[in-house]
N, C-alpha and C. Protein backbone atom coordinates (compact mmCIF):
# COMPACT_ATOMS: atom_id res chain seq x y z
N MET A 1 49.68 66.53 79.12
CA MET A 1 49.20 67.64 78.30
C MET A 1 47.79 67.37 77.78
N THR A 2 47.00 68.43 77.62
CA THR A 2 45.66 68.31 77.09
C THR A 2 45.72 68.12 75.58
N ARG A 3 44.99 67.11 75.10
CA ARG A 3 44.99 66.81 73.66
C ARG A 3 43.71 67.33 73.03
N VAL A 4 43.86 68.10 71.94
CA VAL A 4 42.73 68.70 71.24
C VAL A 4 42.65 68.10 69.84
N LEU A 5 41.45 67.71 69.44
CA LEU A 5 41.20 67.28 68.06
C LEU A 5 40.48 68.40 67.32
N VAL A 6 41.12 68.94 66.28
CA VAL A 6 40.55 70.01 65.46
C VAL A 6 39.98 69.38 64.19
N VAL A 7 38.70 69.62 63.92
CA VAL A 7 38.03 69.04 62.75
C VAL A 7 37.46 70.18 61.92
N ASP A 8 38.10 70.48 60.78
CA ASP A 8 37.66 71.58 59.92
C ASP A 8 38.25 71.37 58.54
N ASP A 9 37.47 71.69 57.50
CA ASP A 9 37.97 71.48 56.14
C ASP A 9 38.61 72.74 55.54
N GLU A 10 38.73 73.81 56.34
CA GLU A 10 39.40 75.03 55.87
C GLU A 10 40.84 75.03 56.36
N PRO A 11 41.82 74.81 55.46
CA PRO A 11 43.23 74.67 55.87
C PRO A 11 43.75 75.86 56.67
N GLN A 12 43.34 77.09 56.32
CA GLN A 12 43.87 78.26 57.03
C GLN A 12 43.38 78.30 58.48
N ILE A 13 42.14 77.86 58.72
CA ILE A 13 41.62 77.82 60.09
C ILE A 13 42.33 76.74 60.88
N VAL A 14 42.50 75.57 60.27
CA VAL A 14 43.21 74.48 60.95
C VAL A 14 44.63 74.92 61.31
N ARG A 15 45.30 75.55 60.35
CA ARG A 15 46.68 75.98 60.59
C ARG A 15 46.75 76.99 61.74
N ALA A 16 45.83 77.98 61.75
CA ALA A 16 45.82 78.98 62.82
C ALA A 16 45.55 78.35 64.18
N LEU A 17 44.60 77.41 64.22
CA LEU A 17 44.28 76.76 65.49
C LEU A 17 45.46 75.91 65.99
N VAL A 18 46.07 75.16 65.08
CA VAL A 18 47.20 74.31 65.48
C VAL A 18 48.33 75.16 66.04
N ILE A 19 48.66 76.26 65.36
CA ILE A 19 49.76 77.13 65.82
C ILE A 19 49.44 77.71 67.19
N ASN A 20 48.24 78.25 67.35
CA ASN A 20 47.87 78.89 68.62
C ASN A 20 47.78 77.89 69.76
N LEU A 21 47.24 76.71 69.49
CA LEU A 21 47.09 75.72 70.56
C LEU A 21 48.45 75.15 70.97
N LYS A 22 49.30 74.85 70.00
CA LYS A 22 50.62 74.33 70.35
C LYS A 22 51.45 75.36 71.10
N ALA A 23 51.27 76.64 70.76
CA ALA A 23 52.00 77.70 71.47
C ALA A 23 51.59 77.77 72.94
N ARG A 24 50.39 77.26 73.23
CA ARG A 24 49.89 77.26 74.62
C ARG A 24 49.98 75.86 75.23
N HIS A 25 50.84 75.04 74.65
CA HIS A 25 51.21 73.73 75.21
C HIS A 25 50.10 72.70 75.17
N TYR A 26 49.22 72.79 74.17
CA TYR A 26 48.26 71.72 73.91
C TYR A 26 48.85 70.78 72.87
N GLU A 27 48.51 69.50 72.99
CA GLU A 27 48.81 68.56 71.92
C GLU A 27 47.64 68.61 70.94
N VAL A 28 47.93 68.62 69.64
CA VAL A 28 46.88 68.86 68.66
C VAL A 28 46.92 67.80 67.56
N ASP A 29 45.74 67.24 67.25
CA ASP A 29 45.55 66.42 66.06
C ASP A 29 44.54 67.14 65.18
N ALA A 30 44.64 66.95 63.85
CA ALA A 30 43.75 67.65 62.93
C ALA A 30 43.15 66.67 61.93
N ALA A 31 41.86 66.88 61.64
CA ALA A 31 41.16 66.08 60.62
C ALA A 31 40.40 67.04 59.72
N HIS A 32 40.33 66.71 58.42
CA HIS A 32 39.69 67.59 57.45
C HIS A 32 38.32 67.08 57.01
N ASP A 33 37.89 65.93 57.51
CA ASP A 33 36.55 65.42 57.20
C ASP A 33 36.05 64.58 58.37
N GLY A 34 34.76 64.19 58.30
CA GLY A 34 34.14 63.49 59.41
C GLY A 34 34.70 62.10 59.66
N ALA A 35 34.96 61.36 58.58
CA ALA A 35 35.46 59.99 58.74
C ALA A 35 36.82 60.00 59.42
N SER A 36 37.71 60.90 58.99
CA SER A 36 39.04 60.99 59.61
C SER A 36 38.92 61.41 61.07
N ALA A 37 37.97 62.29 61.36
CA ALA A 37 37.78 62.75 62.73
C ALA A 37 37.40 61.59 63.64
N LEU A 38 36.47 60.77 63.20
CA LEU A 38 36.03 59.63 64.02
C LEU A 38 37.17 58.63 64.23
N GLU A 39 37.97 58.41 63.18
CA GLU A 39 39.10 57.49 63.29
C GLU A 39 40.15 58.05 64.27
N LEU A 40 40.48 59.35 64.14
CA LEU A 40 41.48 59.96 65.03
C LEU A 40 41.00 59.97 66.47
N ALA A 41 39.72 60.25 66.68
CA ALA A 41 39.18 60.27 68.05
C ALA A 41 39.32 58.91 68.70
N ALA A 42 39.04 57.85 67.94
CA ALA A 42 39.13 56.50 68.48
C ALA A 42 40.58 56.11 68.77
N ALA A 43 41.51 56.61 67.95
CA ALA A 43 42.91 56.23 68.10
C ALA A 43 43.64 57.08 69.13
N ARG A 44 43.28 58.38 69.24
CA ARG A 44 44.07 59.32 70.05
C ARG A 44 43.39 59.74 71.35
N HIS A 45 42.10 59.50 71.49
CA HIS A 45 41.35 59.83 72.71
C HIS A 45 41.59 61.28 73.16
N PRO A 46 41.11 62.25 72.38
CA PRO A 46 41.32 63.66 72.75
C PRO A 46 40.58 64.03 74.03
N ASP A 47 41.04 65.12 74.65
CA ASP A 47 40.38 65.65 75.85
C ASP A 47 39.26 66.62 75.48
N VAL A 48 39.31 67.17 74.27
CA VAL A 48 38.27 68.07 73.78
C VAL A 48 38.31 68.06 72.26
N VAL A 49 37.15 68.26 71.63
CA VAL A 49 37.05 68.27 70.17
C VAL A 49 36.52 69.64 69.72
N LEU A 50 37.21 70.28 68.76
CA LEU A 50 36.74 71.49 68.11
C LEU A 50 36.23 71.08 66.73
N LEU A 51 34.95 71.24 66.48
CA LEU A 51 34.31 70.62 65.31
C LEU A 51 33.55 71.62 64.47
N ASP A 52 33.87 71.67 63.17
CA ASP A 52 33.10 72.46 62.21
C ASP A 52 31.90 71.62 61.75
N LEU A 53 30.76 72.28 61.54
CA LEU A 53 29.57 71.53 61.11
C LEU A 53 29.59 71.21 59.62
N GLY A 54 30.19 72.10 58.81
CA GLY A 54 30.15 71.93 57.37
C GLY A 54 31.34 71.16 56.83
N LEU A 55 31.29 69.83 56.94
CA LEU A 55 32.39 68.98 56.47
C LEU A 55 32.06 68.39 55.10
N PRO A 56 33.07 68.03 54.32
CA PRO A 56 32.81 67.58 52.94
C PRO A 56 32.10 66.24 52.82
N ASP A 57 32.27 65.34 53.78
CA ASP A 57 31.73 63.99 53.63
C ASP A 57 30.49 63.72 54.48
N MET A 58 30.28 64.50 55.52
CA MET A 58 29.10 64.32 56.37
C MET A 58 28.87 65.57 57.19
N ASP A 59 27.65 65.72 57.69
CA ASP A 59 27.36 66.88 58.53
C ASP A 59 28.00 66.70 59.90
N GLY A 60 28.40 67.82 60.52
CA GLY A 60 29.02 67.75 61.83
C GLY A 60 28.17 67.06 62.87
N SER A 61 26.84 67.18 62.74
CA SER A 61 25.95 66.52 63.70
C SER A 61 26.11 65.00 63.66
N GLU A 62 26.43 64.45 62.47
CA GLU A 62 26.68 63.01 62.37
C GLU A 62 27.96 62.63 63.13
N VAL A 63 28.95 63.50 63.06
CA VAL A 63 30.19 63.25 63.81
C VAL A 63 29.90 63.26 65.31
N ILE A 64 29.07 64.21 65.75
CA ILE A 64 28.72 64.29 67.18
C ILE A 64 28.06 63.00 67.63
N ARG A 65 27.08 62.53 66.84
CA ARG A 65 26.37 61.31 67.21
C ARG A 65 27.32 60.11 67.21
N GLY A 66 28.26 60.09 66.25
CA GLY A 66 29.25 59.01 66.22
C GLY A 66 30.12 59.00 67.46
N LEU A 67 30.55 60.19 67.90
CA LEU A 67 31.37 60.28 69.11
C LEU A 67 30.56 59.92 70.35
N ARG A 68 29.33 60.42 70.41
CA ARG A 68 28.52 60.19 71.61
C ARG A 68 28.14 58.72 71.79
N GLY A 69 28.34 57.92 70.75
CA GLY A 69 28.08 56.49 70.88
C GLY A 69 29.03 55.80 71.83
N TRP A 70 30.20 56.44 72.11
CA TRP A 70 31.18 55.77 72.97
C TRP A 70 31.97 56.70 73.89
N THR A 71 31.85 58.02 73.74
CA THR A 71 32.65 58.91 74.57
C THR A 71 31.86 60.14 74.99
N LYS A 72 32.20 60.69 76.15
CA LYS A 72 31.61 61.94 76.65
C LYS A 72 32.56 63.12 76.47
N VAL A 73 33.56 62.98 75.60
CA VAL A 73 34.54 64.05 75.39
C VAL A 73 33.81 65.36 75.08
N PRO A 74 34.23 66.48 75.69
CA PRO A 74 33.60 67.77 75.38
C PRO A 74 33.77 68.12 73.90
N ILE A 75 32.69 68.59 73.28
CA ILE A 75 32.69 68.96 71.86
C ILE A 75 32.26 70.42 71.74
N ILE A 76 33.12 71.24 71.15
CA ILE A 76 32.81 72.65 70.90
C ILE A 76 32.63 72.83 69.39
N ILE A 77 31.48 73.34 68.99
CA ILE A 77 31.18 73.55 67.58
C ILE A 77 31.80 74.88 67.13
N LEU A 78 32.47 74.86 65.97
CA LEU A 78 32.97 76.06 65.31
C LEU A 78 32.27 76.15 63.96
N SER A 79 31.42 77.15 63.75
CA SER A 79 30.69 77.18 62.49
C SER A 79 30.27 78.59 62.13
N ALA A 80 30.23 78.84 60.82
CA ALA A 80 29.77 80.13 60.31
C ALA A 80 28.26 80.13 60.08
N ARG A 81 27.60 79.01 60.32
CA ARG A 81 26.16 78.92 60.08
C ARG A 81 25.41 79.85 61.02
N GLN A 82 24.49 80.61 60.47
CA GLN A 82 23.72 81.57 61.26
C GLN A 82 22.36 81.04 61.68
N ASN A 83 21.93 79.93 61.09
CA ASN A 83 20.62 79.37 61.39
C ASN A 83 20.60 78.78 62.79
N SER A 84 19.77 79.36 63.67
CA SER A 84 19.75 78.90 65.06
C SER A 84 19.24 77.47 65.17
N ASP A 85 18.38 77.03 64.22
CA ASP A 85 17.88 75.65 64.27
C ASP A 85 19.02 74.65 64.12
N GLU A 86 19.99 74.95 63.26
CA GLU A 86 21.13 74.05 63.07
C GLU A 86 22.01 74.03 64.31
N LYS A 87 22.14 75.18 64.96
CA LYS A 87 22.93 75.24 66.19
C LYS A 87 22.26 74.40 67.28
N VAL A 88 20.94 74.56 67.42
CA VAL A 88 20.21 73.79 68.42
C VAL A 88 20.29 72.30 68.12
N GLN A 89 20.21 71.93 66.83
CA GLN A 89 20.31 70.52 66.45
C GLN A 89 21.65 69.94 66.89
N ALA A 90 22.73 70.72 66.72
CA ALA A 90 24.05 70.24 67.13
C ALA A 90 24.12 70.07 68.65
N LEU A 91 23.54 71.01 69.39
CA LEU A 91 23.54 70.92 70.85
C LEU A 91 22.72 69.72 71.30
N ASP A 92 21.58 69.51 70.66
CA ASP A 92 20.73 68.37 71.03
C ASP A 92 21.40 67.04 70.67
N ALA A 93 22.25 67.05 69.65
CA ALA A 93 22.96 65.82 69.28
C ALA A 93 24.04 65.46 70.28
N GLY A 94 24.45 66.45 71.12
CA GLY A 94 25.44 66.14 72.15
C GLY A 94 26.61 67.09 72.23
N ALA A 95 26.61 68.17 71.43
CA ALA A 95 27.68 69.16 71.55
C ALA A 95 27.57 69.90 72.88
N ASP A 96 28.71 70.39 73.37
CA ASP A 96 28.72 71.06 74.67
C ASP A 96 28.68 72.58 74.56
N ASP A 97 29.15 73.12 73.44
CA ASP A 97 29.22 74.57 73.32
C ASP A 97 29.27 74.94 71.84
N TYR A 98 29.10 76.23 71.56
CA TYR A 98 29.02 76.69 70.17
C TYR A 98 29.73 78.04 70.07
N VAL A 99 30.68 78.14 69.14
CA VAL A 99 31.38 79.39 68.87
C VAL A 99 31.19 79.72 67.40
N THR A 100 30.71 80.92 67.11
CA THR A 100 30.40 81.31 65.73
C THR A 100 31.63 81.92 65.06
N LYS A 101 31.91 81.49 63.84
CA LYS A 101 32.98 82.09 63.04
C LYS A 101 32.49 83.42 62.46
N PRO A 102 33.38 84.44 62.36
CA PRO A 102 34.76 84.43 62.86
C PRO A 102 34.76 84.63 64.37
N PHE A 103 35.73 84.01 65.05
CA PHE A 103 35.78 84.07 66.50
C PHE A 103 37.13 84.63 66.95
N GLY A 104 37.14 85.19 68.15
CA GLY A 104 38.39 85.65 68.74
C GLY A 104 39.10 84.48 69.41
N MET A 105 40.41 84.41 69.28
CA MET A 105 41.15 83.30 69.85
C MET A 105 41.04 83.27 71.37
N ASP A 106 41.02 84.44 72.00
CA ASP A 106 40.90 84.47 73.47
C ASP A 106 39.58 83.86 73.93
N GLU A 107 38.48 84.20 73.22
CA GLU A 107 37.17 83.63 73.57
C GLU A 107 37.18 82.12 73.39
N LEU A 108 37.72 81.66 72.27
CA LEU A 108 37.75 80.22 72.01
C LEU A 108 38.56 79.49 73.07
N LEU A 109 39.72 80.04 73.44
CA LEU A 109 40.56 79.38 74.44
C LEU A 109 39.87 79.34 75.80
N ALA A 110 39.13 80.40 76.13
CA ALA A 110 38.40 80.40 77.41
C ALA A 110 37.32 79.32 77.40
N ARG A 111 36.61 79.18 76.28
CA ARG A 111 35.59 78.14 76.17
C ARG A 111 36.24 76.75 76.24
N LEU A 112 37.41 76.62 75.60
CA LEU A 112 38.11 75.34 75.59
C LEU A 112 38.53 74.95 77.01
N ARG A 113 39.10 75.91 77.75
CA ARG A 113 39.53 75.61 79.13
C ARG A 113 38.33 75.21 79.99
N ALA A 114 37.21 75.91 79.81
CA ALA A 114 36.01 75.57 80.60
C ALA A 114 35.52 74.18 80.25
N ALA A 115 35.55 73.82 78.97
CA ALA A 115 35.10 72.49 78.55
C ALA A 115 36.00 71.41 79.12
N VAL A 116 37.30 71.64 79.14
CA VAL A 116 38.24 70.66 79.69
C VAL A 116 38.00 70.48 81.18
N ARG A 117 37.75 71.59 81.90
CA ARG A 117 37.47 71.49 83.34
C ARG A 117 36.22 70.68 83.60
N ARG A 118 35.17 70.91 82.79
CA ARG A 118 33.93 70.16 82.98
C ARG A 118 34.11 68.69 82.67
N GLY A 119 35.02 68.38 81.74
CA GLY A 119 35.24 66.98 81.36
C GLY A 119 36.16 66.23 82.29
N ALA A 120 36.84 66.96 83.21
CA ALA A 120 37.77 66.30 84.12
C ALA A 120 37.02 65.42 85.09
N PRO A 121 37.41 64.14 85.27
CA PRO A 121 36.65 63.23 86.11
C PRO A 121 36.94 63.34 87.59
N ASP A 122 38.09 63.95 87.96
CA ASP A 122 38.51 63.84 89.36
C ASP A 122 37.99 65.00 90.20
N GLY A 123 37.09 64.67 91.10
CA GLY A 123 36.65 65.64 92.11
C GLY A 123 35.73 66.71 91.60
N SER A 124 35.26 66.62 90.36
CA SER A 124 34.46 67.71 89.81
C SER A 124 33.14 67.88 90.56
N GLU A 125 32.52 66.79 91.00
CA GLU A 125 31.23 66.92 91.67
C GLU A 125 31.39 67.60 93.02
N THR A 126 32.46 67.24 93.75
CA THR A 126 32.69 67.87 95.05
C THR A 126 32.96 69.35 94.88
N GLU A 127 33.79 69.70 93.88
CA GLU A 127 34.16 71.09 93.69
C GLU A 127 32.94 71.93 93.29
N SER A 128 31.97 71.34 92.60
CA SER A 128 30.85 72.11 92.10
C SER A 128 29.66 72.07 93.06
N ALA A 129 29.82 71.49 94.27
CA ALA A 129 28.70 71.42 95.21
C ALA A 129 28.24 72.80 95.64
N SER A 130 29.15 73.77 95.67
CA SER A 130 28.81 75.14 96.03
C SER A 130 29.46 76.08 95.02
N VAL A 131 28.66 77.00 94.49
CA VAL A 131 29.14 77.94 93.49
C VAL A 131 28.89 79.35 94.00
N ALA A 132 29.94 80.18 94.01
CA ALA A 132 29.82 81.53 94.55
C ALA A 132 30.14 82.57 93.48
N THR A 133 29.26 83.56 93.34
CA THR A 133 29.52 84.72 92.51
C THR A 133 29.77 85.92 93.44
N GLU A 134 29.95 87.09 92.86
CA GLU A 134 30.18 88.28 93.70
C GLU A 134 28.97 88.64 94.54
N THR A 135 27.78 88.26 94.08
CA THR A 135 26.57 88.70 94.79
C THR A 135 25.77 87.57 95.43
N PHE A 136 25.92 86.34 94.95
CA PHE A 136 25.11 85.26 95.52
C PHE A 136 25.88 83.95 95.50
N THR A 137 25.42 83.01 96.35
CA THR A 137 26.03 81.68 96.45
C THR A 137 24.95 80.62 96.31
N VAL A 138 25.27 79.59 95.52
CA VAL A 138 24.35 78.47 95.33
C VAL A 138 24.98 77.23 95.93
N ASP A 139 24.31 76.63 96.92
CA ASP A 139 24.76 75.38 97.54
C ASP A 139 23.87 74.27 97.00
N LEU A 140 24.42 73.49 96.06
CA LEU A 140 23.61 72.46 95.39
C LEU A 140 23.23 71.33 96.34
N SER A 141 24.14 70.94 97.22
CA SER A 141 23.85 69.82 98.12
C SER A 141 22.78 70.18 99.14
N ALA A 142 22.80 71.42 99.63
CA ALA A 142 21.81 71.86 100.62
C ALA A 142 20.56 72.46 99.97
N LYS A 143 20.58 72.61 98.64
CA LYS A 143 19.48 73.24 97.90
C LYS A 143 19.15 74.60 98.51
N ARG A 144 20.20 75.43 98.60
CA ARG A 144 20.06 76.72 99.28
C ARG A 144 20.77 77.81 98.47
N VAL A 145 20.13 78.97 98.42
CA VAL A 145 20.72 80.13 97.74
C VAL A 145 20.77 81.29 98.73
N THR A 146 21.92 81.92 98.83
CA THR A 146 22.05 83.11 99.69
C THR A 146 22.55 84.28 98.86
N ARG A 147 22.07 85.46 99.21
CA ARG A 147 22.53 86.69 98.56
C ARG A 147 22.87 87.70 99.64
N GLU A 148 24.12 88.11 99.65
CA GLU A 148 24.62 89.04 100.67
C GLU A 148 24.30 88.52 102.07
N GLY A 149 24.47 87.22 102.26
CA GLY A 149 24.32 86.60 103.57
C GLY A 149 22.90 86.23 103.95
N LYS A 150 21.94 86.56 103.11
CA LYS A 150 20.54 86.27 103.44
C LYS A 150 19.99 85.21 102.48
N ASP A 151 19.14 84.32 103.02
CA ASP A 151 18.52 83.29 102.18
C ASP A 151 17.62 83.92 101.12
N VAL A 152 17.67 83.33 99.92
CA VAL A 152 16.78 83.76 98.84
C VAL A 152 15.73 82.68 98.64
N ARG A 153 14.45 83.07 98.68
CA ARG A 153 13.37 82.11 98.52
C ARG A 153 13.12 81.89 97.03
N LEU A 154 13.26 80.63 96.60
CA LEU A 154 12.97 80.27 95.21
C LEU A 154 11.83 79.26 95.18
N THR A 155 11.02 79.32 94.15
CA THR A 155 10.00 78.29 93.95
C THR A 155 10.70 77.01 93.50
N PRO A 156 10.03 75.85 93.60
CA PRO A 156 10.66 74.60 93.13
C PRO A 156 11.09 74.67 91.67
N THR A 157 10.29 75.31 90.82
CA THR A 157 10.65 75.41 89.40
C THR A 157 11.87 76.32 89.22
N GLU A 158 11.89 77.44 89.93
CA GLU A 158 13.05 78.33 89.85
C GLU A 158 14.32 77.61 90.30
N TRP A 159 14.22 76.84 91.38
CA TRP A 159 15.39 76.11 91.86
C TRP A 159 15.87 75.08 90.83
N HIS A 160 14.94 74.34 90.26
CA HIS A 160 15.32 73.30 89.30
C HIS A 160 16.01 73.92 88.08
N LEU A 161 15.48 75.04 87.60
CA LEU A 161 16.10 75.74 86.46
C LEU A 161 17.50 76.23 86.83
N LEU A 162 17.62 76.83 88.01
CA LEU A 162 18.92 77.30 88.48
C LEU A 162 19.91 76.14 88.61
N GLU A 163 19.46 75.03 89.14
CA GLU A 163 20.33 73.87 89.36
C GLU A 163 20.88 73.34 88.04
N VAL A 164 20.02 73.22 87.02
CA VAL A 164 20.48 72.72 85.72
C VAL A 164 21.54 73.66 85.14
N LEU A 165 21.31 74.96 85.23
CA LEU A 165 22.26 75.92 84.68
C LEU A 165 23.58 75.90 85.44
N VAL A 166 23.52 75.85 86.76
CA VAL A 166 24.74 75.88 87.57
C VAL A 166 25.56 74.61 87.37
N ARG A 167 24.89 73.45 87.27
CA ARG A 167 25.62 72.20 87.04
C ARG A 167 26.29 72.18 85.66
N ASN A 168 25.81 73.03 84.76
CA ASN A 168 26.42 73.15 83.43
C ASN A 168 27.13 74.49 83.29
N SER A 169 27.72 74.98 84.38
CA SER A 169 28.34 76.30 84.40
C SER A 169 29.30 76.50 83.23
N GLY A 170 29.11 77.62 82.53
CA GLY A 170 29.96 77.94 81.39
C GLY A 170 29.53 77.30 80.10
N ARG A 171 28.59 76.39 80.15
CA ARG A 171 28.15 75.65 78.97
C ARG A 171 26.82 76.20 78.47
N LEU A 172 26.68 76.28 77.16
CA LEU A 172 25.41 76.67 76.56
C LEU A 172 24.43 75.51 76.69
N VAL A 173 23.30 75.75 77.36
CA VAL A 173 22.26 74.73 77.53
C VAL A 173 21.09 75.11 76.63
N SER A 174 20.70 74.21 75.75
CA SER A 174 19.65 74.53 74.78
C SER A 174 18.30 74.70 75.47
N GLN A 175 17.41 75.45 74.81
CA GLN A 175 16.06 75.63 75.34
C GLN A 175 15.37 74.29 75.51
N LYS A 176 15.51 73.40 74.54
CA LYS A 176 14.86 72.10 74.62
C LYS A 176 15.34 71.31 75.83
N GLN A 177 16.66 71.31 76.06
CA GLN A 177 17.19 70.57 77.21
C GLN A 177 16.65 71.13 78.52
N LEU A 178 16.63 72.45 78.65
CA LEU A 178 16.12 73.07 79.87
C LEU A 178 14.65 72.72 80.10
N LEU A 179 13.86 72.84 79.04
CA LEU A 179 12.43 72.55 79.18
C LEU A 179 12.19 71.10 79.58
N GLN A 180 12.92 70.18 78.96
CA GLN A 180 12.69 68.77 79.26
C GLN A 180 13.21 68.38 80.64
N GLU A 181 14.32 68.99 81.07
CA GLU A 181 14.84 68.65 82.40
C GLU A 181 14.01 69.27 83.52
N VAL A 182 13.46 70.45 83.28
CA VAL A 182 12.72 71.16 84.33
C VAL A 182 11.23 70.82 84.30
N TRP A 183 10.63 70.81 83.10
CA TRP A 183 9.18 70.61 83.01
C TRP A 183 8.80 69.18 82.60
N GLY A 184 9.72 68.45 81.95
CA GLY A 184 9.43 67.07 81.59
C GLY A 184 9.60 66.81 80.10
N PRO A 185 9.65 65.53 79.71
CA PRO A 185 9.96 65.15 78.32
C PRO A 185 8.90 65.57 77.31
N ALA A 186 7.70 65.91 77.75
CA ALA A 186 6.66 66.32 76.81
C ALA A 186 6.86 67.76 76.33
N TYR A 187 7.76 68.49 76.97
CA TYR A 187 7.99 69.89 76.63
C TYR A 187 9.23 70.03 75.75
N GLY A 188 9.27 71.11 74.96
CA GLY A 188 10.44 71.31 74.10
C GLY A 188 10.39 72.59 73.30
N THR A 189 9.21 73.20 73.19
CA THR A 189 9.07 74.41 72.38
C THR A 189 8.50 75.60 73.16
N GLU A 190 8.18 75.39 74.43
CA GLU A 190 7.53 76.45 75.21
C GLU A 190 8.56 77.46 75.74
N SER A 191 9.19 78.19 74.82
CA SER A 191 10.28 79.10 75.22
C SER A 191 9.77 80.24 76.10
N ASN A 192 8.46 80.53 76.04
CA ASN A 192 7.91 81.58 76.90
C ASN A 192 8.03 81.20 78.38
N TYR A 193 7.95 79.90 78.71
CA TYR A 193 8.15 79.47 80.09
C TYR A 193 9.54 79.91 80.57
N LEU A 194 10.54 79.66 79.72
CA LEU A 194 11.92 79.98 80.10
C LEU A 194 12.10 81.48 80.28
N ARG A 195 11.51 82.27 79.39
CA ARG A 195 11.67 83.73 79.52
C ARG A 195 11.11 84.23 80.84
N VAL A 196 9.95 83.70 81.23
CA VAL A 196 9.32 84.14 82.48
C VAL A 196 10.18 83.77 83.68
N TYR A 197 10.62 82.51 83.74
CA TYR A 197 11.37 82.05 84.92
C TYR A 197 12.79 82.60 84.95
N MET A 198 13.40 82.80 83.78
CA MET A 198 14.73 83.43 83.77
C MET A 198 14.64 84.87 84.27
N ALA A 199 13.58 85.56 83.90
CA ALA A 199 13.39 86.92 84.39
C ALA A 199 13.26 86.94 85.91
N GLN A 200 12.57 85.94 86.46
CA GLN A 200 12.42 85.87 87.92
C GLN A 200 13.76 85.59 88.59
N LEU A 201 14.55 84.67 88.03
CA LEU A 201 15.87 84.39 88.61
C LEU A 201 16.76 85.62 88.56
N ARG A 202 16.73 86.32 87.45
CA ARG A 202 17.56 87.53 87.34
C ARG A 202 17.12 88.59 88.34
N ARG A 203 15.82 88.73 88.52
CA ARG A 203 15.31 89.73 89.46
C ARG A 203 15.76 89.40 90.89
N LYS A 204 15.80 88.11 91.23
CA LYS A 204 16.14 87.71 92.59
C LYS A 204 17.65 87.66 92.84
N LEU A 205 18.45 87.42 91.77
CA LEU A 205 19.87 87.13 92.00
C LEU A 205 20.85 88.08 91.33
N GLU A 206 20.49 88.68 90.22
CA GLU A 206 21.41 89.56 89.53
C GLU A 206 21.48 90.92 90.20
N ALA A 207 22.68 91.52 90.22
CA ALA A 207 22.82 92.88 90.75
C ALA A 207 22.05 93.87 89.88
N ASP A 208 22.08 93.65 88.56
CA ASP A 208 21.33 94.48 87.63
C ASP A 208 20.59 93.55 86.67
N PRO A 209 19.32 93.25 86.97
CA PRO A 209 18.57 92.29 86.14
C PRO A 209 18.46 92.70 84.67
N SER A 210 18.53 94.00 84.39
CA SER A 210 18.40 94.46 83.01
C SER A 210 19.69 94.26 82.21
N ALA A 211 20.79 94.03 82.91
CA ALA A 211 22.08 93.76 82.25
C ALA A 211 22.74 92.58 82.95
N PRO A 212 22.18 91.36 82.78
CA PRO A 212 22.63 90.20 83.56
C PRO A 212 24.07 89.79 83.25
N ARG A 213 24.81 89.48 84.29
CA ARG A 213 26.19 88.99 84.15
C ARG A 213 26.27 87.48 84.22
N HIS A 214 25.36 86.86 84.97
CA HIS A 214 25.47 85.44 85.27
C HIS A 214 24.48 84.57 84.49
N PHE A 215 23.30 85.08 84.20
CA PHE A 215 22.30 84.32 83.46
C PHE A 215 22.19 84.93 82.06
N VAL A 216 22.97 84.34 81.14
CA VAL A 216 23.17 84.94 79.82
C VAL A 216 22.28 84.25 78.79
N THR A 217 21.59 85.05 77.99
CA THR A 217 20.76 84.51 76.90
C THR A 217 21.58 84.39 75.63
N GLU A 218 21.51 83.22 74.98
CA GLU A 218 22.07 83.04 73.64
C GLU A 218 20.87 83.00 72.71
N PRO A 219 20.56 84.11 72.01
CA PRO A 219 19.31 84.23 71.26
C PRO A 219 19.06 83.07 70.30
N GLY A 220 17.86 82.50 70.40
CA GLY A 220 17.45 81.43 69.53
C GLY A 220 18.00 80.07 69.89
N MET A 221 18.90 80.01 70.89
CA MET A 221 19.54 78.74 71.22
C MET A 221 19.28 78.29 72.64
N GLY A 222 19.57 79.14 73.62
CA GLY A 222 19.41 78.71 75.00
C GLY A 222 20.01 79.70 75.97
N TYR A 223 20.53 79.19 77.09
CA TYR A 223 21.04 80.02 78.16
C TYR A 223 22.36 79.46 78.69
N ARG A 224 23.13 80.36 79.31
CA ARG A 224 24.43 79.99 79.84
C ARG A 224 24.59 80.63 81.22
N PHE A 225 25.06 79.85 82.20
CA PHE A 225 25.38 80.42 83.51
C PHE A 225 26.88 80.70 83.56
N GLU A 226 27.22 81.96 83.83
CA GLU A 226 28.63 82.38 83.90
C GLU A 226 28.94 82.86 85.32
N LEU A 227 30.08 82.45 85.83
CA LEU A 227 30.51 82.92 87.15
C LEU A 227 31.02 84.36 87.08
């Protein structure tokens, strides 16, 4: 069974999550502060962590850094904070995804399942070598994109941006991470670069570039590739 660690200081949220997760056959541990969360993670080795940023003893970003010191377990942030800088800080610290409170349980469970799939060690690289949507296919090993059976010509920068997003399918990738992976470590704030190249990818690959289904913008935070 998949083990989930819930970290939140609001008892009603913890109770709702525990009930819903157990009803769907997850094993659940709960912590109400950062220190307990780090201790439980070390003792129980969860498959995914649901983490609130506003904890009584430390900020959630400190918990992320503590976990990232020894584990790659997927971490999904649950927070009512509206400040995009704090969300980006959590992603840069090592979180995998972000869900804003109040959230729908169906959305959270979908994000949780995607995080668990990404964290699975067996065969994930082979399975993700080729990704197919309704309109286009990306072959990562061959560095090739086809749309309706025809090759799509991408520039090297467009390909690199697409590759980073596809390898993180379903995961929110921060603007800073995209800029540094595609343009280099000296970049981090040039969000206009991303807007230009994302527009080009949408024009070449989306059925309706004005209403993208696969290249999704998370305002102020980053981008997400959805199948």
